[in-house]
Amino acid sequence: MNKKKSFFINRLKSVGFAFRGAYFLLKTEASIQVQFGIFVLLTVLGFYFNISTAEWLFQFLAIGMVMSIEGLNTAVEELANFIHPEKHKKIGLIKDIAAGAVFIASVFAIIIGFIIYIPKII
């Protein structure tokens, strides 16, 4: 019984840490704030254009993917800055690779947005 309770309590604590991290991202990271604004705008547009269930799913997956990878990018940058605060060629490359992952996800999310909304606008 005690193991089950501690497992449940630990999961609740983990969720709390995750919320704290998400709040930190939304509060401090300009890129996440912009992406959250895009999320709100696309949600309004989704209702306006009455997009299908499948389109909602693709839209939310794309936005979630970009914001999640952006969060990982921020974590990589924070860790790199902690480990090596001075400018360093290898640390710069690591940060560039993490930023590149965000870029790739963003490009595909934009393509998904075009596929959903261009036919509705035209």
PDB file of N, CA and C in Angstrom:
ATOM      1  N   MET A   1       0.831  -1.199   0.000  1.00  0.00           N
ATOM      2  CA  MET A   1       0.000   0.000   0.000  1.00  0.00           C
ATOM      3  C   MET A   1       0.868   1.252   0.000  1.00  0.00           C
ATOM      4  N   ASN A   2       1.929   1.236   0.796  1.00  0.00           N
ATOM      5  CA  ASN A   2       2.795   2.393   0.880  1.00  0.00           C
ATOM      6  C   ASN A   2       3.516   2.641  -0.445  1.00  0.00           C
ATOM      7  N   LYS A   3       3.918   1.550  -1.151  1.00  0.00           N
ATOM      8  CA  LYS A   3       4.582   1.702  -2.447  1.00  0.00           C
ATOM      9  C   LYS A   3       3.644   2.349  -3.456  1.00  0.00           C
ATOM     10  N   LYS A   4       2.374   1.916  -3.462  1.00  0.00           N
ATOM     11  CA  LYS A   4       1.405   2.505  -4.388  1.00  0.00           C
ATOM     12  C   LYS A   4       1.200   3.976  -4.090  1.00  0.00           C
ATOM     13  N   LYS A   5       1.104   4.312  -2.821  1.00  0.00           N
ATOM     14  CA  LYS A   5       0.902   5.704  -2.444  1.00  0.00           C
ATOM     15  C   LYS A   5       2.108   6.541  -2.843  1.00  0.00           C
ATOM     16  N   SER A   6       3.314   6.048  -2.589  1.00  0.00           N
ATOM     17  CA  SER A   6       4.497   6.823  -2.941  1.00  0.00           C
ATOM     18  C   SER A   6       4.622   6.949  -4.464  1.00  0.00           C
ATOM     19  N   PHE A   7       4.227   5.902  -5.209  1.00  0.00           N
ATOM     20  CA  PHE A   7       4.244   5.991  -6.670  1.00  0.00           C
ATOM     21  C   PHE A   7       3.301   7.089  -7.131  1.00  0.00           C
ATOM     22  N   PHE A   8       2.090   7.120  -6.588  1.00  0.00           N
ATOM     23  CA  PHE A   8       1.102   8.130  -6.951  1.00  0.00           C
ATOM     24  C   PHE A   8       1.583   9.532  -6.569  1.00  0.00           C
ATOM     25  N   ILE A   9       2.126   9.667  -5.374  1.00  0.00           N
ATOM     26  CA  ILE A   9       2.632  10.966  -4.908  1.00  0.00           C
ATOM     27  C   ILE A   9       3.775  11.431  -5.805  1.00  0.00           C
ATOM     28  N   ASN A  10       4.672  10.516  -6.166  1.00  0.00           N
ATOM     29  CA  ASN A  10       5.794  10.880  -7.041  1.00  0.00           C
ATOM     30  C   ASN A  10       5.306  11.306  -8.428  1.00  0.00           C
ATOM     31  N   ARG A  11       4.264  10.658  -8.933  1.00  0.00           N
ATOM     32  CA  ARG A  11       3.717  11.071 -10.241  1.00  0.00           C
ATOM     33  C   ARG A  11       3.108  12.456 -10.141  1.00  0.00           C
ATOM     34  N   LEU A  12       2.405  12.724  -9.056  1.00  0.00           N
ATOM     35  CA  LEU A  12       1.839  14.064  -8.856  1.00  0.00           C
ATOM     36  C   LEU A  12       2.940  15.120  -8.778  1.00  0.00           C
ATOM     37  N   LYS A  13       4.023  14.797  -8.075  1.00  0.00           N
ATOM     38  CA  LYS A  13       5.150  15.732  -7.998  1.00  0.00           C
ATOM     39  C   LYS A  13       5.743  15.957  -9.383  1.00  0.00           C
ATOM     40  N   SER A  14       5.868  14.897 -10.174  1.00  0.00           N
ATOM     41  CA  SER A  14       6.414  15.011 -11.528  1.00  0.00           C
ATOM     42  C   SER A  14       5.558  15.924 -12.394  1.00  0.00           C
ATOM     43  N   VAL A  15       4.244  15.782 -12.274  1.00  0.00           N
ATOM     44  CA  VAL A  15       3.338  16.652 -13.023  1.00  0.00           C
ATOM     45  C   VAL A  15       3.512  18.104 -12.570  1.00  0.00           C
ATOM     46  N   GLY A  16       3.689  18.311 -11.283  1.00  0.00           N
ATOM     47  CA  GLY A  16       3.931  19.651 -10.759  1.00  0.00           C
ATOM     48  C   GLY A  16       5.209  20.253 -11.324  1.00  0.00           C
ATOM     49  N   PHE A  17       6.280  19.449 -11.396  1.00  0.00           N
ATOM     50  CA  PHE A  17       7.534  19.933 -11.979  1.00  0.00           C
ATOM     51  C   PHE A  17       7.337  20.283 -13.454  1.00  0.00           C
ATOM     52  N   ALA A  18       6.564  19.466 -14.161  1.00  0.00           N
ATOM     53  CA  ALA A  18       6.315  19.718 -15.583  1.00  0.00           C
ATOM     54  C   ALA A  18       5.538  21.022 -15.766  1.00  0.00           C
ATOM     55  N   PHE A  19       4.526  21.249 -14.945  1.00  0.00           N
ATOM     56  CA  PHE A  19       3.774  22.509 -15.014  1.00  0.00           C
ATOM     57  C   PHE A  19       4.688  23.701 -14.716  1.00  0.00           C
ATOM     58  N   ARG A  20       5.561  23.536 -13.727  1.00  0.00           N
ATOM     59  CA  ARG A  20       6.495  24.609 -13.391  1.00  0.00           C
ATOM     60  C   ARG A  20       7.404  24.919 -14.583  1.00  0.00           C
ATOM     61  N   GLY A  21       7.883  23.884 -15.262  1.00  0.00           N
ATOM     62  CA  GLY A  21       8.724  24.087 -16.435  1.00  0.00           C
ATOM     63  C   GLY A  21       7.968  24.760 -17.566  1.00  0.00           C
ATOM     64  N   ALA A  22       6.732  24.322 -17.809  1.00  0.00           N
ATOM     65  CA  ALA A  22       5.922  24.936 -18.869  1.00  0.00           C
ATOM     66  C   ALA A  22       5.627  26.394 -18.535  1.00  0.00           C
ATOM     67  N   TYR A  23       5.333  26.675 -17.289  1.00  0.00           N
ATOM     68  CA  TYR A  23       5.080  28.055 -16.857  1.00  0.00           C
ATOM     69  C   TYR A  23       6.327  28.913 -17.050  1.00  0.00           C
ATOM     70  N   PHE A  24       7.479  28.365 -16.680  1.00  0.00           N
ATOM     71  CA  PHE A  24       8.740  29.087 -16.867  1.00  0.00           C
ATOM     72  C   PHE A  24       8.946  29.429 -18.339  1.00  0.00           C
ATOM     73  N   LEU A  25       8.718  28.462 -19.220  1.00  0.00           N
ATOM     74  CA  LEU A  25       8.875  28.704 -20.656  1.00  0.00           C
ATOM     75  C   LEU A  25       7.942  29.816 -21.131  1.00  0.00           C
ATOM     76  N   LEU A  26       6.662  29.719 -20.756  1.00  0.00           N
ATOM     77  CA  LEU A  26       5.697  30.728 -21.191  1.00  0.00           C
ATOM     78  C   LEU A  26       6.000  32.111 -20.621  1.00  0.00           C
ATOM     79  N   LYS A  27       6.540  32.142 -19.426  1.00  0.00           N
ATOM     80  CA  LYS A  27       6.804  33.418 -18.763  1.00  0.00           C
ATOM     81  C   LYS A  27       8.087  34.074 -19.266  1.00  0.00           C
ATOM     82  N   THR A  28       9.099  33.292 -19.616  1.00  0.00           N
ATOM     83  CA  THR A  28      10.420  33.870 -19.858  1.00  0.00           C
ATOM     84  C   THR A  28      10.918  33.774 -21.298  1.00  0.00           C
ATOM     85  N   GLU A  29      10.400  32.865 -22.084  1.00  0.00           N
ATOM     86  CA  GLU A  29      10.952  32.628 -23.419  1.00  0.00           C
ATOM     87  C   GLU A  29      10.106  33.297 -24.496  1.00  0.00           C
ATOM     88  N   ALA A  30      10.688  34.299 -25.159  1.00  0.00           N
ATOM     89  CA  ALA A  30       9.966  35.054 -26.186  1.00  0.00           C
ATOM     90  C   ALA A  30       9.487  34.142 -27.321  1.00  0.00           C
ATOM     91  N   SER A  31      10.303  33.177 -27.705  1.00  0.00           N
ATOM     92  CA  SER A  31       9.905  32.301 -28.809  1.00  0.00           C
ATOM     93  C   SER A  31       8.681  31.460 -28.447  1.00  0.00           C
ATOM     94  N   ILE A  32       8.612  30.984 -27.234  1.00  0.00           N
ATOM     95  CA  ILE A  32       7.442  30.225 -26.782  1.00  0.00           C
ATOM     96  C   ILE A  32       6.229  31.147 -26.710  1.00  0.00           C
ATOM     97  N   GLN A  33       6.419  32.373 -26.273  1.00  0.00           N
ATOM     98  CA  GLN A  33       5.316  33.328 -26.207  1.00  0.00           C
ATOM     99  C   GLN A  33       4.753  33.601 -27.603  1.00  0.00           C
ATOM    100  N   VAL A  34       5.640  33.759 -28.584  1.00  0.00           N
ATOM    101  CA  VAL A  34       5.191  33.956 -29.968  1.00  0.00           C
ATOM    102  C   VAL A  34       4.445  32.721 -30.450  1.00  0.00           C
ATOM    103  N   GLN A  35       5.000  31.550 -30.187  1.00  0.00           N
ATOM    104  CA  GLN A  35       4.353  30.313 -30.622  1.00  0.00           C
ATOM    105  C   GLN A  35       3.015  30.107 -29.926  1.00  0.00           C
ATOM    106  N   PHE A  36       2.914  30.504 -28.674  1.00  0.00           N
ATOM    107  CA  PHE A  36       1.635  30.411 -27.976  1.00  0.00           C
ATOM    108  C   PHE A  36       0.622  31.359 -28.617  1.00  0.00           C
ATOM    109  N   GLY A  37       1.078  32.549 -29.000  1.00  0.00           N
ATOM    110  CA  GLY A  37       0.194  33.484 -29.717  1.00  0.00           C
ATOM    111  C   GLY A  37      -0.281  32.906 -31.039  1.00  0.00           C
ATOM    112  N   ILE A  38       0.619  32.245 -31.754  1.00  0.00           N
ATOM    113  CA  ILE A  38       0.241  31.578 -33.013  1.00  0.00           C
ATOM    114  C   ILE A  38      -0.779  30.481 -32.736  1.00  0.00           C
ATOM    115  N   PHE A  39      -0.575  29.736 -31.644  1.00  0.00           N
ATOM    116  CA  PHE A  39      -1.525  28.698 -31.243  1.00  0.00           C
ATOM    117  C   PHE A  39      -2.920  29.295 -31.026  1.00  0.00           C
ATOM    118  N   VAL A  40      -2.984  30.408 -30.306  1.00  0.00           N
ATOM    119  CA  VAL A  40      -4.277  31.056 -30.049  1.00  0.00           C
ATOM    120  C   VAL A  40      -4.901  31.520 -31.358  1.00  0.00           C
ATOM    121  N   LEU A  41      -4.117  32.171 -32.213  1.00  0.00           N
ATOM    122  CA  LEU A  41      -4.614  32.650 -33.502  1.00  0.00           C
ATOM    123  C   LEU A  41      -5.134  31.500 -34.362  1.00  0.00           C
ATOM    124  N   LEU A  42      -4.368  30.414 -34.437  1.00  0.00           N
ATOM    125  CA  LEU A  42      -4.793  29.276 -35.261  1.00  0.00           C
ATOM    126  C   LEU A  42      -6.007  28.563 -34.669  1.00  0.00           C
ATOM    127  N   THR A  43      -6.149  28.604 -33.366  1.00  0.00           N
ATOM    128  CA  THR A  43      -7.342  28.029 -32.752  1.00  0.00           C
ATOM    129  C   THR A  43      -8.572  28.850 -33.136  1.00  0.00           C
ATOM    130  N   VAL A  44      -8.447  30.164 -33.085  1.00  0.00           N
ATOM    131  CA  VAL A  44      -9.554  31.042 -33.513  1.00  0.00           C
ATOM    132  C   VAL A  44      -9.862  30.793 -34.990  1.00  0.00           C
ATOM    133  N   LEU A  45      -8.819  30.740 -35.831  1.00  0.00           N
ATOM    134  CA  LEU A  45      -9.031  30.489 -37.257  1.00  0.00           C
ATOM    135  C   LEU A  45      -9.676  29.120 -37.493  1.00  0.00           C
ATOM    136  N   GLY A  46      -9.277  28.147 -36.702  1.00  0.00           N
ATOM    137  CA  GLY A  46      -9.865  26.811 -36.832  1.00  0.00           C
ATOM    138  C   GLY A  46     -11.364  26.830 -36.609  1.00  0.00           C
ATOM    139  N   PHE A  47     -11.801  27.579 -35.603  1.00  0.00           N
ATOM    140  CA  PHE A  47     -13.244  27.706 -35.368  1.00  0.00           C
ATOM    141  C   PHE A  47     -13.912  28.526 -36.477  1.00  0.00           C
ATOM    142  N   TYR A  48     -13.241  29.586 -36.901  1.00  0.00           N
ATOM    143  CA  TYR A  48     -13.803  30.439 -37.948  1.00  0.00           C
ATOM    144  C   TYR A  48     -14.011  29.657 -39.249  1.00  0.00           C
ATOM    145  N   PHE A  49     -13.013  28.876 -39.643  1.00  0.00           N
ATOM    146  CA  PHE A  49     -13.090  28.117 -40.887  1.00  0.00           C
ATOM    147  C   PHE A  49     -13.718  26.733 -40.700  1.00  0.00           C
ATOM    148  N   ASN A  50     -14.114  26.418 -39.479  1.00  0.00           N
ATOM    149  CA  ASN A  50     -14.763  25.141 -39.174  1.00  0.00           C
ATOM    150  C   ASN A  50     -13.951  23.961 -39.725  1.00  0.00           C
ATOM    151  N   ILE A  51     -12.677  23.894 -39.309  1.00  0.00           N
ATOM    152  CA  ILE A  51     -11.821  22.830 -39.817  1.00  0.00           C
ATOM    153  C   ILE A  51     -12.283  21.470 -39.286  1.00  0.00           C
ATOM    154  N   SER A  52     -11.927  20.436 -40.012  1.00  0.00           N
ATOM    155  CA  SER A  52     -12.369  19.078 -39.668  1.00  0.00           C
ATOM    156  C   SER A  52     -11.614  18.552 -38.445  1.00  0.00           C
ATOM    157  N   THR A  53     -12.093  17.450 -37.918  1.00  0.00           N
ATOM    158  CA  THR A  53     -11.437  16.819 -36.771  1.00  0.00           C
ATOM    159  C   THR A  53     -10.002  16.444 -37.116  1.00  0.00           C
ATOM    160  N   ALA A  54      -9.792  15.886 -38.299  1.00  0.00           N
ATOM    161  CA  ALA A  54      -8.438  15.516 -38.714  1.00  0.00           C
ATOM    162  C   ALA A  54      -7.546  16.753 -38.815  1.00  0.00           C
ATOM    163  N   GLU A  55      -8.092  17.844 -39.332  1.00  0.00           N
ATOM    164  CA  GLU A  55      -7.312  19.076 -39.430  1.00  0.00           C
ATOM    165  C   GLU A  55      -6.958  19.619 -38.044  1.00  0.00           C
ATOM    166  N   TRP A  56      -7.906  19.529 -37.102  1.00  0.00           N
ATOM    167  CA  TRP A  56      -7.610  19.931 -35.717  1.00  0.00           C
ATOM    168  C   TRP A  56      -6.462  19.087 -35.168  1.00  0.00           C
ATOM    169  N   LEU A  57      -6.531  17.780 -35.417  1.00  0.00           N
ATOM    170  CA  LEU A  57      -5.489  16.892 -34.898  1.00  0.00           C
ATOM    171  C   LEU A  57      -4.126  17.259 -35.469  1.00  0.00           C
ATOM    172  N   PHE A  58      -4.054  17.446 -36.782  1.00  0.00           N
ATOM    173  CA  PHE A  58      -2.781  17.811 -37.399  1.00  0.00           C
ATOM    174  C   PHE A  58      -2.294  19.168 -36.895  1.00  0.00           C
ATOM    175  N   GLN A  59      -3.199  20.101 -36.758  1.00  0.00           N
ATOM    176  CA  GLN A  59      -2.826  21.431 -36.282  1.00  0.00           C
ATOM    177  C   GLN A  59      -2.260  21.358 -34.871  1.00  0.00           C
ATOM    178  N   PHE A  60      -2.957  20.666 -33.971  1.00  0.00           N
ATOM    179  CA  PHE A  60      -2.478  20.576 -32.591  1.00  0.00           C
ATOM    180  C   PHE A  60      -1.184  19.781 -32.497  1.00  0.00           C
ATOM    181  N   LEU A  61      -1.055  18.725 -33.288  1.00  0.00           N
ATOM    182  CA  LEU A  61       0.199  17.964 -33.283  1.00  0.00           C
ATOM    183  C   LEU A  61       1.360  18.828 -33.760  1.00  0.00           C
ATOM    184  N   ALA A  62       1.134  19.598 -34.812  1.00  0.00           N
ATOM    185  CA  ALA A  62       2.196  20.460 -35.341  1.00  0.00           C
ATOM    186  C   ALA A  62       2.597  21.522 -34.324  1.00  0.00           C
ATOM    187  N   ILE A  63       1.613  22.179 -33.725  1.00  0.00           N
ATOM    188  CA  ILE A  63       1.909  23.225 -32.739  1.00  0.00           C
ATOM    189  C   ILE A  63       2.581  22.613 -31.512  1.00  0.00           C
ATOM    190  N   GLY A  64       2.059  21.504 -31.050  1.00  0.00           N
ATOM    191  CA  GLY A  64       2.661  20.824 -29.900  1.00  0.00           C
ATOM    192  C   GLY A  64       4.087  20.389 -30.171  1.00  0.00           C
ATOM    193  N   MET A  65       4.342  19.916 -31.393  1.00  0.00           N
ATOM    194  CA  MET A  65       5.686  19.485 -31.761  1.00  0.00           C
ATOM    195  C   MET A  65       6.653  20.671 -31.717  1.00  0.00           C
ATOM    196  N   VAL A  66       6.263  21.775 -32.314  1.00  0.00           N
ATOM    197  CA  VAL A  66       7.148  22.946 -32.347  1.00  0.00           C
ATOM    198  C   VAL A  66       7.412  23.460 -30.930  1.00  0.00           C
ATOM    199  N   MET A  67       6.360  23.595 -30.137  1.00  0.00           N
ATOM    200  CA  MET A  67       6.536  24.135 -28.791  1.00  0.00           C
ATOM    201  C   MET A  67       7.341  23.183 -27.904  1.00  0.00           C
ATOM    202  N   SER A  68       7.133  21.882 -28.073  1.00  0.00           N
ATOM    203  CA  SER A  68       7.899  20.908 -27.290  1.00  0.00           C
ATOM    204  C   SER A  68       9.370  20.936 -27.654  1.00  0.00           C
ATOM    205  N   ILE A  69       9.660  20.970 -28.950  1.00  0.00           N
ATOM    206  CA  ILE A  69      11.059  21.006 -29.371  1.00  0.00           C
ATOM    207  C   ILE A  69      11.697  22.333 -28.970  1.00  0.00           C
ATOM    208  N   GLU A  70      10.927  23.398 -28.998  1.00  0.00           N
ATOM    209  CA  GLU A  70      11.443  24.689 -28.527  1.00  0.00           C
ATOM    210  C   GLU A  70      11.791  24.610 -27.040  1.00  0.00           C
ATOM    211  N   GLY A  71      10.972  23.920 -26.268  1.00  0.00           N
ATOM    212  CA  GLY A  71      11.283  23.724 -24.848  1.00  0.00           C
ATOM    213  C   GLY A  71      12.566  22.929 -24.663  1.00  0.00           C
ATOM    214  N   LEU A  72      12.745  21.876 -25.461  1.00  0.00           N
ATOM    215  CA  LEU A  72      13.989  21.108 -25.398  1.00  0.00           C
ATOM    216  C   LEU A  72      15.182  21.963 -25.824  1.00  0.00           C
ATOM    217  N   ASN A  73      14.999  22.796 -26.829  1.00  0.00           N
ATOM    218  CA  ASN A  73      16.056  23.707 -27.265  1.00  0.00           C
ATOM    219  C   ASN A  73      16.463  24.632 -26.129  1.00  0.00           C
ATOM    220  N   THR A  74      15.477  25.161 -25.420  1.00  0.00           N
ATOM    221  CA  THR A  74      15.767  26.036 -24.290  1.00  0.00           C
ATOM    222  C   THR A  74      16.535  25.277 -23.209  1.00  0.00           C
ATOM    223  N   ALA A  75      16.133  24.035 -22.957  1.00  0.00           N
ATOM    224  CA  ALA A  75      16.826  23.226 -21.952  1.00  0.00           C
ATOM    225  C   ALA A  75      18.278  22.967 -22.369  1.00  0.00           C
ATOM    226  N   VAL A  76      18.500  22.673 -23.637  1.00  0.00           N
ATOM    227  CA  VAL A  76      19.863  22.457 -24.134  1.00  0.00           C
ATOM    228  C   VAL A  76      20.691  23.730 -23.967  1.00  0.00           C
ATOM    229  N   GLU A  77      20.113  24.874 -24.313  1.00  0.00           N
ATOM    230  CA  GLU A  77      20.830  26.140 -24.170  1.00  0.00           C
ATOM    231  C   GLU A  77      21.170  26.426 -22.709  1.00  0.00           C
ATOM    232  N   GLU A  78      20.208  26.205 -21.820  1.00  0.00           N
ATOM    233  CA  GLU A  78      20.451  26.438 -20.393  1.00  0.00           C
ATOM    234  C   GLU A  78      21.557  25.523 -19.873  1.00  0.00           C
ATOM    235  N   LEU A  79      21.502  24.261 -20.252  1.00  0.00           N
ATOM    236  CA  LEU A  79      22.518  23.298 -19.818  1.00  0.00           C
ATOM    237  C   LEU A  79      23.880  23.672 -20.376  1.00  0.00           C
ATOM    238  N   ALA A  80      23.936  24.030 -21.661  1.00  0.00           N
ATOM    239  CA  ALA A  80      25.205  24.408 -22.281  1.00  0.00           C
ATOM    240  C   ALA A  80      25.793  25.648 -21.612  1.00  0.00           C
ATOM    241  N   ASN A  81      24.944  26.627 -21.322  1.00  0.00           N
ATOM    242  CA  ASN A  81      25.419  27.845 -20.655  1.00  0.00           C
ATOM    243  C   ASN A  81      25.904  27.559 -19.238  1.00  0.00           C
ATOM    244  N   PHE A  82      25.262  26.612 -18.577  1.00  0.00           N
ATOM    245  CA  PHE A  82      25.671  26.240 -17.223  1.00  0.00           C
ATOM    246  C   PHE A  82      27.021  25.531 -17.246  1.00  0.00           C
ATOM    247  N   ILE A  83      27.175  24.616 -18.196  1.00  0.00           N
ATOM    248  CA  ILE A  83      28.409  23.835 -18.275  1.00  0.00           C
ATOM    249  C   ILE A  83      29.582  24.688 -18.747  1.00  0.00           C
ATOM    250  N   HIS A  84      29.308  25.537 -19.722  1.00  0.00           N
ATOM    251  CA  HIS A  84      30.401  26.335 -20.301  1.00  0.00           C
ATOM    252  C   HIS A  84      29.902  27.749 -20.572  1.00  0.00           C
ATOM    253  N   PRO A  85      29.918  28.623 -19.554  1.00  0.00           N
ATOM    254  CA  PRO A  85      29.354  29.970 -19.702  1.00  0.00           C
ATOM    255  C   PRO A  85      30.072  30.842 -20.748  1.00  0.00           C
ATOM    256  N   GLU A  86      31.360  30.601 -20.948  1.00  0.00           N
ATOM    257  CA  GLU A  86      32.089  31.383 -21.939  1.00  0.00           C
ATOM    258  C   GLU A  86      31.736  30.883 -23.336  1.00  0.00           C
ATOM    259  N   LYS A  87      31.952  31.765 -24.314  1.00  0.00           N
ATOM    260  CA  LYS A  87      31.702  31.380 -25.697  1.00  0.00           C
ATOM    261  C   LYS A  87      32.677  30.269 -26.086  1.00  0.00           C
ATOM    262  N   HIS A  88      32.137  29.214 -26.704  1.00  0.00           N
ATOM    263  CA  HIS A  88      32.955  28.070 -27.103  1.00  0.00           C
ATOM    264  C   HIS A  88      32.403  27.509 -28.407  1.00  0.00           C
ATOM    265  N   LYS A  89      33.287  27.175 -29.314  1.00  0.00           N
ATOM    266  CA  LYS A  89      32.895  26.711 -30.646  1.00  0.00           C
ATOM    267  C   LYS A  89      31.992  25.470 -30.586  1.00  0.00           C
ATOM    268  N   LYS A  90      32.342  24.498 -29.777  1.00  0.00           N
ATOM    269  CA  LYS A  90      31.566  23.260 -29.693  1.00  0.00           C
ATOM    270  C   LYS A  90      30.200  23.504 -29.042  1.00  0.00           C
ATOM    271  N   ILE A  91      30.162  24.335 -28.005  1.00  0.00           N
ATOM    272  CA  ILE A  91      28.888  24.681 -27.360  1.00  0.00           C
ATOM    273  C   ILE A  91      28.005  25.421 -28.352  1.00  0.00           C
ATOM    274  N   GLY A  92      28.591  26.309 -29.139  1.00  0.00           N
ATOM    275  CA  GLY A  92      27.831  27.022 -30.171  1.00  0.00           C
ATOM    276  C   GLY A  92      27.228  26.065 -31.183  1.00  0.00           C
ATOM    277  N   LEU A  93      28.000  25.049 -31.588  1.00  0.00           N
ATOM    278  CA  LEU A  93      27.490  24.051 -32.532  1.00  0.00           C
ATOM    279  C   LEU A  93      26.324  23.271 -31.925  1.00  0.00           C
ATOM    280  N   ILE A  94      26.452  22.894 -30.656  1.00  0.00           N
ATOM    281  CA  ILE A  94      25.375  22.169 -29.969  1.00  0.00           C
ATOM    282  C   ILE A  94      24.099  23.017 -29.941  1.00  0.00           C
ATOM    283  N   LYS A  95      24.233  24.293 -29.626  1.00  0.00           N
ATOM    284  CA  LYS A  95      23.080  25.191 -29.602  1.00  0.00           C
ATOM    285  C   LYS A  95      22.481  25.348 -30.997  1.00  0.00           C
ATOM    286  N   ASP A  96      23.341  25.445 -32.008  1.00  0.00           N
ATOM    287  CA  ASP A  96      22.857  25.569 -33.386  1.00  0.00           C
ATOM    288  C   ASP A  96      22.077  24.332 -33.816  1.00  0.00           C
ATOM    289  N   ILE A  97      22.549  23.158 -33.424  1.00  0.00           N
ATOM    290  CA  ILE A  97      21.851  21.915 -33.772  1.00  0.00           C
ATOM    291  C   ILE A  97      20.476  21.879 -33.118  1.00  0.00           C
ATOM    292  N   ALA A  98      20.406  22.267 -31.844  1.00  0.00           N
ATOM    293  CA  ALA A  98      19.115  22.295 -31.151  1.00  0.00           C
ATOM    294  C   ALA A  98      18.175  23.308 -31.808  1.00  0.00           C
ATOM    295  N   ALA A  99      18.700  24.466 -32.179  1.00  0.00           N
ATOM    296  CA  ALA A  99      17.880  25.472 -32.866  1.00  0.00           C
ATOM    297  C   ALA A  99      17.448  24.960 -34.237  1.00  0.00           C
ATOM    298  N   GLY A 100      18.316  24.203 -34.892  1.00  0.00           N
ATOM    299  CA  GLY A 100      17.970  23.614 -36.188  1.00  0.00           C
ATOM    300  C   GLY A 100      16.801  22.657 -36.085  1.00  0.00           C
ATOM    301  N   ALA A 101      16.724  21.920 -34.984  1.00  0.00           N
ATOM    302  CA  ALA A 101      15.593  21.013 -34.774  1.00  0.00           C
ATOM    303  C   ALA A 101      14.287  21.795 -34.678  1.00  0.00           C
ATOM    304  N   VAL A 102      14.325  22.931 -34.000  1.00  0.00           N
ATOM    305  CA  VAL A 102      13.135  23.790 -33.913  1.00  0.00           C
ATOM    306  C   VAL A 102      12.769  24.302 -35.302  1.00  0.00           C
ATOM    307  N   PHE A 103      13.771  24.706 -36.061  1.00  0.00           N
ATOM    308  CA  PHE A 103      13.539  25.215 -37.406  1.00  0.00           C
ATOM    309  C   PHE A 103      12.862  24.167 -38.288  1.00  0.00           C
ATOM    310  N   ILE A 104      13.376  22.938 -38.245  1.00  0.00           N
ATOM    311  CA  ILE A 104      12.791  21.859 -39.059  1.00  0.00           C
ATOM    312  C   ILE A 104      11.337  21.625 -38.664  1.00  0.00           C
ATOM    313  N   ALA A 105      11.061  21.540 -37.364  1.00  0.00           N
ATOM    314  CA  ALA A 105       9.691  21.333 -36.899  1.00  0.00           C
ATOM    315  C   ALA A 105       8.799  22.498 -37.328  1.00  0.00           C
ATOM    316  N   SER A 106       9.331  23.714 -37.263  1.00  0.00           N
ATOM    317  CA  SER A 106       8.554  24.895 -37.643  1.00  0.00           C
ATOM    318  C   SER A 106       8.210  24.893 -39.129  1.00  0.00           C
ATOM    319  N   VAL A 107       9.157  24.512 -39.960  1.00  0.00           N
ATOM    320  CA  VAL A 107       8.909  24.455 -41.404  1.00  0.00           C
ATOM    321  C   VAL A 107       7.776  23.473 -41.700  1.00  0.00           C
ATOM    322  N   PHE A 108       7.826  22.298 -41.088  1.00  0.00           N
ATOM    323  CA  PHE A 108       6.771  21.315 -41.328  1.00  0.00           C
ATOM    324  C   PHE A 108       5.431  21.772 -40.757  1.00  0.00           C
ATOM    325  N   ALA A 109       5.457  22.470 -39.627  1.00  0.00           N
ATOM    326  CA  ALA A 109       4.215  23.004 -39.059  1.00  0.00           C
ATOM    327  C   ALA A 109       3.615  24.058 -39.987  1.00  0.00           C
ATOM    328  N   ILE A 110       4.454  24.883 -40.579  1.00  0.00           N
ATOM    329  CA  ILE A 110       3.971  25.891 -41.526  1.00  0.00           C
ATOM    330  C   ILE A 110       3.353  25.213 -42.747  1.00  0.00           C
ATOM    331  N   ILE A 111       3.994  24.169 -43.231  1.00  0.00           N
ATOM    332  CA  ILE A 111       3.448  23.424 -44.374  1.00  0.00           C
ATOM    333  C   ILE A 111       2.079  22.854 -44.025  1.00  0.00           C
ATOM    334  N   ILE A 112       1.955  22.289 -42.824  1.00  0.00           N
ATOM    335  CA  ILE A 112       0.663  21.758 -42.378  1.00  0.00           C
ATOM    336  C   ILE A 112      -0.375  22.878 -42.328  1.00  0.00           C
ATOM    337  N   GLY A 113       0.018  24.032 -41.809  1.00  0.00           N
ATOM    338  CA  GLY A 113      -0.902  25.178 -41.763  1.00  0.00           C
ATOM    339  C   GLY A 113      -1.346  25.603 -43.152  1.00  0.00           C
ATOM    340  N   PHE A 114      -0.419  25.639 -44.102  1.00  0.00           N
ATOM    341  CA  PHE A 114      -0.776  25.985 -45.477  1.00  0.00           C
ATOM    342  C   PHE A 114      -1.745  24.964 -46.069  1.00  0.00           C
ATOM    343  N   ILE A 115      -1.486  23.696 -45.828  1.00  0.00           N
ATOM    344  CA  ILE A 115      -2.363  22.636 -46.365  1.00  0.00           C
ATOM    345  C   ILE A 115      -3.763  22.777 -45.808  1.00  0.00           C
ATOM    346  N   ILE A 116      -3.879  23.149 -44.538  1.00  0.00           N
ATOM    347  CA  ILE A 116      -5.200  23.292 -43.914  1.00  0.00           C
ATOM    348  C   ILE A 116      -5.888  24.575 -44.354  1.00  0.00           C
ATOM    349  N   TYR A 117      -5.176  25.704 -44.361  1.00  0.00           N
ATOM    350  CA  TYR A 117      -5.851  26.998 -44.489  1.00  0.00           C
ATOM    351  C   TYR A 117      -5.881  27.590 -45.903  1.00  0.00           C
ATOM    352  N   ILE A 118      -4.913  27.308 -46.733  1.00  0.00           N
ATOM    353  CA  ILE A 118      -4.931  27.915 -48.078  1.00  0.00           C
ATOM    354  C   ILE A 118      -6.213  27.538 -48.851  1.00  0.00           C
ATOM    355  N   PRO A 119      -6.629  26.269 -48.858  1.00  0.00           N
ATOM    356  CA  PRO A 119      -7.880  25.954 -49.573  1.00  0.00           C
ATOM    357  C   PRO A 119      -9.101  26.679 -48.988  1.00  0.00           C
ATOM    358  N   LYS A 120      -9.093  26.937 -47.708  1.00  0.00           N
ATOM    359  CA  LYS A 120     -10.230  27.597 -47.066  1.00  0.00           C
ATOM    360  C   LYS A 120     -10.241  29.099 -47.371  1.00  0.00           C
ATOM    361  N   ILE A 121      -9.045  29.671 -47.503  1.00  0.00           N
ATOM    362  CA  ILE A 121      -8.936  31.101 -47.794  1.00  0.00           C
ATOM    363  C   ILE A 121      -9.248  31.362 -49.270  1.00  0.00           C
ATOM    364  N   ILE A 122      -8.806  30.454 -50.124  1.00  0.00           N
ATOM    365  CA  ILE A 122      -9.028  30.613 -51.579  1.00  0.00           C
ATOM    366  C   ILE A 122     -10.405  30.161 -51.881  1.00  0.00           C
TER     367      ILE A 122
END
